[in-house]
């Protein structure tokens, strides 16, 4: 079991907590409706975080920069988290067990 980082910075509007004040400030944009990133050149949408804008733009362009590095697998993904999930299918040890 790993030690989790303490999260002493509490959001005054919801139950979320954060490890540092900058994460809390970034989160507060959601409650305040502040969307400094954008507009999207394709549809004009704005976002609270730069990474969200970048991820959104890929929905228009179809870009999939995250490629599986396993030989013979030609899958690619628009989000790193999707590649990470996919990578589990190549592992011989399965971390999750089906209860059925």
Protein backbone atom coordinates (compact mmCIF):
# COMPACT_ATOMS: atom_id res chain seq x y z
CA UNK A 1 0.00 0.00 0.00
CA UNK A 2 1.37 3.41 -0.96
CA UNK A 3 1.14 6.53 1.14
CA UNK A 4 -1.12 9.14 -0.38
CA UNK A 5 -0.05 12.74 -0.45
CA UNK A 6 -1.92 14.84 2.15
CA UNK A 7 -4.60 17.06 0.64
CA UNK A 8 -5.09 19.96 3.05
CA UNK A 9 -6.58 22.38 0.49
CA UNK A 10 -10.35 22.01 0.54
CA UNK A 11 -12.74 23.36 -2.05
CA UNK A 12 -15.26 25.67 -0.34
CA UNK A 13 -17.99 24.66 -2.81
CA UNK A 14 -17.70 20.87 -2.99
CA UNK A 15 -16.07 17.93 -1.20
CA UNK A 16 -12.85 17.83 -3.25
CA UNK A 17 -9.45 18.31 -1.62
CA UNK A 18 -6.06 19.04 -3.16
CA UNK A 19 -2.38 18.60 -2.36
CA UNK A 20 -1.49 22.20 -3.14
CA UNK A 21 -3.10 25.58 -3.60
CA UNK A 22 -2.46 25.76 -7.36
CA UNK A 23 -4.50 22.58 -7.90
CA UNK A 24 -7.31 24.10 -5.84
CA UNK A 25 -7.13 27.35 -7.86
CA UNK A 26 -7.28 25.37 -11.09
CA UNK A 27 -10.29 23.43 -9.77
CA UNK A 28 -12.11 26.60 -8.72
CA UNK A 29 -12.38 27.61 -12.40
CA UNK A 30 -15.05 24.92 -12.71
CA UNK A 31 -17.24 26.54 -10.05
CA UNK A 32 -16.55 30.08 -11.27
CA UNK A 33 -17.16 29.26 -14.94
CA UNK A 34 -13.73 30.62 -15.90
CA UNK A 35 -12.53 29.09 -19.17
CA UNK A 36 -9.28 30.80 -20.17
CA UNK A 37 -8.22 28.21 -22.76
CA UNK A 38 -9.60 28.53 -26.25
CA UNK A 39 -11.55 29.14 -28.21
CA UNK A 40 -11.31 25.93 -30.22
CA UNK A 41 -10.49 26.90 -33.81
CA UNK A 42 -13.09 24.41 -35.06
CA UNK A 43 -16.13 25.07 -32.87
CA UNK A 44 -15.33 27.96 -30.53
CA UNK A 45 -15.61 25.96 -27.31
CA UNK A 46 -13.50 27.10 -24.33
CA UNK A 47 -11.97 25.08 -21.48
CA UNK A 48 -10.77 25.41 -17.90
CA UNK A 49 -7.48 23.62 -18.65
CA UNK A 50 -5.10 23.69 -21.64
CA UNK A 51 -4.89 19.89 -21.71
CA UNK A 52 -8.68 19.70 -22.06
CA UNK A 53 -8.56 22.04 -25.07
CA UNK A 54 -5.77 19.99 -26.66
CA UNK A 55 -7.67 16.76 -26.06
CA UNK A 56 -10.86 18.32 -27.49
CA UNK A 57 -9.12 19.50 -30.68
CA UNK A 58 -8.23 15.86 -31.41
CA UNK A 59 -11.95 15.07 -31.64
CA UNK A 60 -12.02 17.36 -34.70
CA UNK A 61 -8.69 16.35 -36.26
CA UNK A 62 -8.81 12.62 -35.53
CA UNK A 63 -5.18 12.81 -34.34
CA UNK A 64 -4.11 9.81 -32.25
CA UNK A 65 -0.58 10.56 -31.01
CA UNK A 66 -0.41 7.80 -28.39
CA UNK A 67 0.70 4.62 -30.16
CA UNK A 68 1.04 1.12 -28.74
CA UNK A 69 4.69 0.08 -28.77
CA UNK A 70 4.04 -3.67 -28.72
CA UNK A 71 5.26 -5.30 -31.94
CA UNK A 72 2.43 -6.24 -34.26
CA UNK A 73 -0.09 -3.98 -32.55
CA UNK A 74 -1.04 -0.98 -34.65
CA UNK A 75 -3.49 0.64 -32.22
CA UNK A 76 -3.23 4.34 -31.44
CA UNK A 77 -5.24 6.62 -29.19
CA UNK A 78 -6.15 10.27 -28.79
CA UNK A 79 -5.70 10.11 -24.99
CA UNK A 80 -2.79 8.70 -22.98
CA UNK A 81 -5.18 7.15 -20.47
CA UNK A 82 -6.78 5.09 -23.25
CA UNK A 83 -3.37 3.79 -24.33
CA UNK A 84 -2.59 2.88 -20.72
CA UNK A 85 -5.86 0.95 -20.45
CA UNK A 86 -5.18 -0.79 -23.77
CA UNK A 87 -1.67 -1.77 -22.69
CA UNK A 88 -3.15 -4.07 -20.05
CA UNK A 89 -4.41 -6.41 -22.79
CA UNK A 90 -0.78 -7.23 -23.61
CA UNK A 91 0.10 -8.15 -20.01
CA UNK A 92 0.17 -11.79 -19.03
CA UNK A 93 -0.86 -11.05 -15.44
CA UNK A 94 -4.37 -9.67 -15.28
CA UNK A 95 -4.87 -7.22 -12.37
CA UNK A 96 -8.66 -7.54 -12.37
CA UNK A 97 -10.70 -10.69 -12.01
CA UNK A 98 -14.16 -11.20 -13.47
CA UNK A 99 -16.70 -12.23 -10.84
CA UNK A 100 -18.94 -14.04 -13.36
